[in-house]
Amino acid sequence: MGEQQQVKFPQDVIDEYAALGVDLPALFSAGHLGQRMGVQIVEASADRVVGTMPVEGNTQPYGLLHGGASAVLAETLGSVGAMLHGGSRKVAVGVDLNCTHHRGARSGLVTGVATPVHRGRSTATYEIVITDETDHRVCSARLTCLLREVNRGDEEPARTGT
């Protein structure tokens, strides 16, 4: 856990960030919390973000995938989509997360797929569907992010709110 695979970004997105001196594939990760939980981003674009997370190490006392772990995966994937939609001049900050847990998972990997519901100038909303290895839905989530302009004092143009 914790080792980040290379994320597949669309070439035009890589070029946009490269023009600002940012090596997006080298910079990108699921963040410290995501790394600790074993989140791996497999595919990333404003239209679709896919990631996985192991159940092992992310369970509650009954041995089931912790609902908070599903929330971390959902917010990570939705925030990445919102960041990519907003582009290099905006910062995505999660402002609302709703998760409905449908069934438990005891082992293996869960996979989350984030797709846009709304992509505006100042907000972006993504639906995130998390499934187990048998393709059963474990969780449905919705994340809304505020997209705010990057200020000169911000650390870097490519950071997300997660």
Protein backbone atom coordinates (compact mmCIF):
# COMPACT_ATOMS: atom_id res chain seq x y z
CA MET A 1 0.00 0.00 0.00
CA GLY A 2 1.01 3.61 -0.45
CA GLU A 3 2.86 3.14 -3.74
CA GLN A 4 1.20 5.29 -6.41
CA GLN A 5 0.84 3.97 -9.96
CA GLN A 6 1.17 6.28 -12.94
CA VAL A 7 -2.19 7.92 -13.67
CA LYS A 8 -3.43 8.13 -17.26
CA PHE A 9 -4.32 11.78 -18.00
CA PRO A 10 -5.54 13.09 -21.37
CA GLN A 11 -2.61 14.57 -23.31
CA ASP A 12 -4.24 18.02 -23.61
CA VAL A 13 -4.50 18.20 -19.80
CA ILE A 14 -0.86 17.20 -19.38
CA ASP A 15 0.11 19.87 -21.94
CA GLU A 16 -1.95 22.58 -20.18
CA TYR A 17 -0.20 21.96 -16.86
CA ALA A 18 3.21 21.54 -18.54
CA ALA A 19 2.84 25.04 -20.02
CA LEU A 20 2.69 26.29 -16.42
CA GLY A 21 5.78 24.31 -15.46
CA VAL A 22 3.79 21.60 -13.63
CA ASP A 23 4.54 17.92 -14.31
CA LEU A 24 0.99 16.71 -13.62
CA PRO A 25 1.67 12.93 -13.71
CA ALA A 26 4.61 13.34 -11.32
CA LEU A 27 2.67 15.71 -9.03
CA PHE A 28 -0.57 13.80 -8.82
CA SER A 29 -1.45 11.44 -5.98
CA ALA A 30 -4.49 10.55 -3.91
CA GLY A 31 -3.03 12.65 -1.08
CA HIS A 32 -1.58 11.41 2.20
CA LEU A 33 -4.88 9.98 3.46
CA GLY A 34 -5.58 8.27 0.15
CA GLN A 35 -2.09 6.78 0.10
CA ARG A 36 -2.46 5.51 3.66
CA MET A 37 -5.71 3.82 2.65
CA GLY A 38 -4.25 2.33 -0.52
CA VAL A 39 -6.27 4.42 -2.99
CA GLN A 40 -4.95 3.99 -6.53
CA ILE A 41 -6.14 6.29 -9.31
CA VAL A 42 -6.36 4.25 -12.52
CA GLU A 43 -7.80 6.78 -14.97
CA ALA A 44 -8.42 10.50 -14.69
CA SER A 45 -10.21 13.03 -16.89
CA ALA A 46 -12.94 15.60 -16.30
CA ASP A 47 -15.40 13.09 -17.81
CA ARG A 48 -14.45 10.01 -15.78
CA VAL A 49 -12.20 9.22 -12.84
CA VAL A 50 -11.59 5.60 -11.83
CA GLY A 51 -9.83 4.41 -8.70
CA THR A 52 -9.49 1.38 -6.46
CA MET A 53 -9.03 0.81 -2.74
CA PRO A 54 -8.37 -2.41 -0.79
CA VAL A 55 -10.96 -3.49 1.76
CA GLU A 56 -8.22 -4.93 3.97
CA GLY A 57 -6.97 -2.26 6.37
CA ASN A 58 -10.08 -0.13 5.82
CA THR A 59 -12.67 -2.06 7.83
CA GLN A 60 -14.81 -1.35 10.87
CA PRO A 61 -14.94 -3.69 13.92
CA TYR A 62 -17.35 -6.12 12.20
CA GLY A 63 -14.86 -6.71 9.39
CA LEU A 64 -16.84 -4.78 6.78
CA LEU A 65 -15.51 -1.94 4.64
CA HIS A 66 -15.82 1.19 6.78
CA GLY A 67 -18.32 3.74 5.46
CA GLY A 68 -15.78 6.47 6.04
CA ALA A 69 -13.33 4.63 3.78
CA SER A 70 -15.94 4.66 1.01
CA ALA A 71 -16.37 8.39 1.63
CA VAL A 72 -12.60 8.95 1.29
CA LEU A 73 -12.55 7.09 -2.03
CA ALA A 74 -15.62 8.97 -3.28
CA GLU A 75 -14.32 12.41 -2.31
CA THR A 76 -10.90 11.69 -3.77
CA LEU A 77 -12.30 10.63 -7.15
CA GLY A 78 -14.89 13.41 -7.35
CA SER A 79 -12.33 16.05 -6.37
CA VAL A 80 -9.93 14.90 -9.06
CA GLY A 81 -12.69 15.17 -11.67
CA ALA A 82 -13.64 18.64 -10.43
CA MET A 83 -9.99 19.73 -10.45
CA LEU A 84 -9.58 18.57 -14.03
CA HIS A 85 -12.83 20.25 -15.07
CA GLY A 86 -11.78 23.52 -13.40
CA GLY A 87 -8.41 23.48 -15.14
CA SER A 88 -5.06 24.76 -14.00
CA ARG A 89 -6.39 28.18 -12.95
CA LYS A 90 -8.91 26.87 -10.39
CA VAL A 91 -8.77 24.99 -7.10
CA ALA A 92 -11.44 22.36 -6.34
CA VAL A 93 -12.69 22.33 -2.75
CA GLY A 94 -15.28 19.78 -1.60
CA VAL A 95 -18.31 21.45 -0.02
CA ASP A 96 -20.90 18.66 0.10
CA LEU A 97 -20.56 14.87 0.23
CA ASN A 98 -23.44 12.42 0.47
CA CYS A 99 -22.90 8.65 0.67
CA THR A 100 -25.46 5.85 0.69
CA HIS A 101 -24.06 2.45 1.70
CA HIS A 102 -25.88 -0.44 0.00
CA ARG A 103 -23.99 -3.57 1.02
CA GLY A 104 -20.89 -4.62 2.88
CA ALA A 105 -17.56 -5.74 1.47
CA ARG A 106 -15.24 -7.99 3.48
CA SER A 107 -12.27 -8.51 1.17
CA GLY A 108 -10.67 -7.67 -2.14
CA LEU A 109 -10.70 -4.33 -3.90
CA VAL A 110 -13.52 -1.87 -4.36
CA THR A 111 -13.60 0.27 -7.48
CA GLY A 112 -15.02 3.78 -7.68
CA VAL A 113 -16.09 5.53 -10.88
CA ALA A 114 -16.81 9.27 -10.75
CA THR A 115 -18.82 10.87 -13.55
CA PRO A 116 -20.06 14.46 -13.80
CA VAL A 117 -23.64 15.42 -12.97
CA HIS A 118 -23.00 19.17 -13.31
CA ARG A 119 -19.93 21.08 -14.48
CA GLY A 120 -20.26 24.82 -14.13
CA ARG A 121 -17.97 27.80 -13.75
CA SER A 122 -18.03 27.88 -9.95
CA THR A 123 -19.19 24.38 -8.93
CA ALA A 124 -18.87 20.82 -10.16
CA THR A 125 -20.92 17.85 -8.96
CA TYR A 126 -19.89 14.23 -9.49
CA GLU A 127 -21.70 10.96 -8.91
CA ILE A 128 -19.41 8.24 -7.61
CA VAL A 129 -20.41 4.57 -7.81
CA ILE A 130 -18.35 2.16 -5.73
CA THR A 131 -18.57 -1.56 -6.55
CA ASP A 132 -16.99 -4.74 -5.20
CA GLU A 133 -15.09 -7.32 -7.24
CA THR A 134 -18.35 -9.05 -8.22
CA ASP A 135 -19.63 -5.73 -9.63
CA HIS A 136 -22.22 -5.32 -6.86
CA ARG A 137 -22.82 -1.71 -5.83
CA VAL A 138 -21.40 -1.07 -2.37
CA CYS A 139 -21.96 2.69 -2.19
CA SER A 140 -23.48 5.55 -4.17
CA ALA A 141 -22.08 9.00 -3.48
CA ARG A 142 -22.43 12.55 -4.73
CA LEU A 143 -19.79 15.24 -4.27
CA THR A 144 -20.08 18.95 -5.01
CA CYS A 145 -16.90 21.00 -5.21
CA LEU A 146 -16.50 24.75 -5.24
CA LEU A 147 -14.18 25.88 -8.03
CA ARG A 148 -12.35 28.99 -6.99
CA GLU A 149 -9.73 30.98 -8.82
CA VAL A 150 -6.13 30.28 -7.86
CA ASN A 151 -4.70 33.13 -5.82
CA ARG A 152 -1.06 34.13 -6.10
CA GLY A 153 -0.54 32.87 -2.55
CA ASP A 154 -1.73 29.33 -3.34
CA GLU A 155 1.02 26.74 -3.24
CA GLU A 156 0.43 25.26 -6.70
CA PRO A 157 -2.21 25.47 -9.42
CA ALA A 158 -2.93 21.74 -9.51
CA ARG A 159 -4.04 20.98 -5.97
CA THR A 160 -7.43 19.66 -4.94
CA GLY A 161 -9.48 20.22 -1.81
CA THR A 162 -8.97 16.66 -0.57
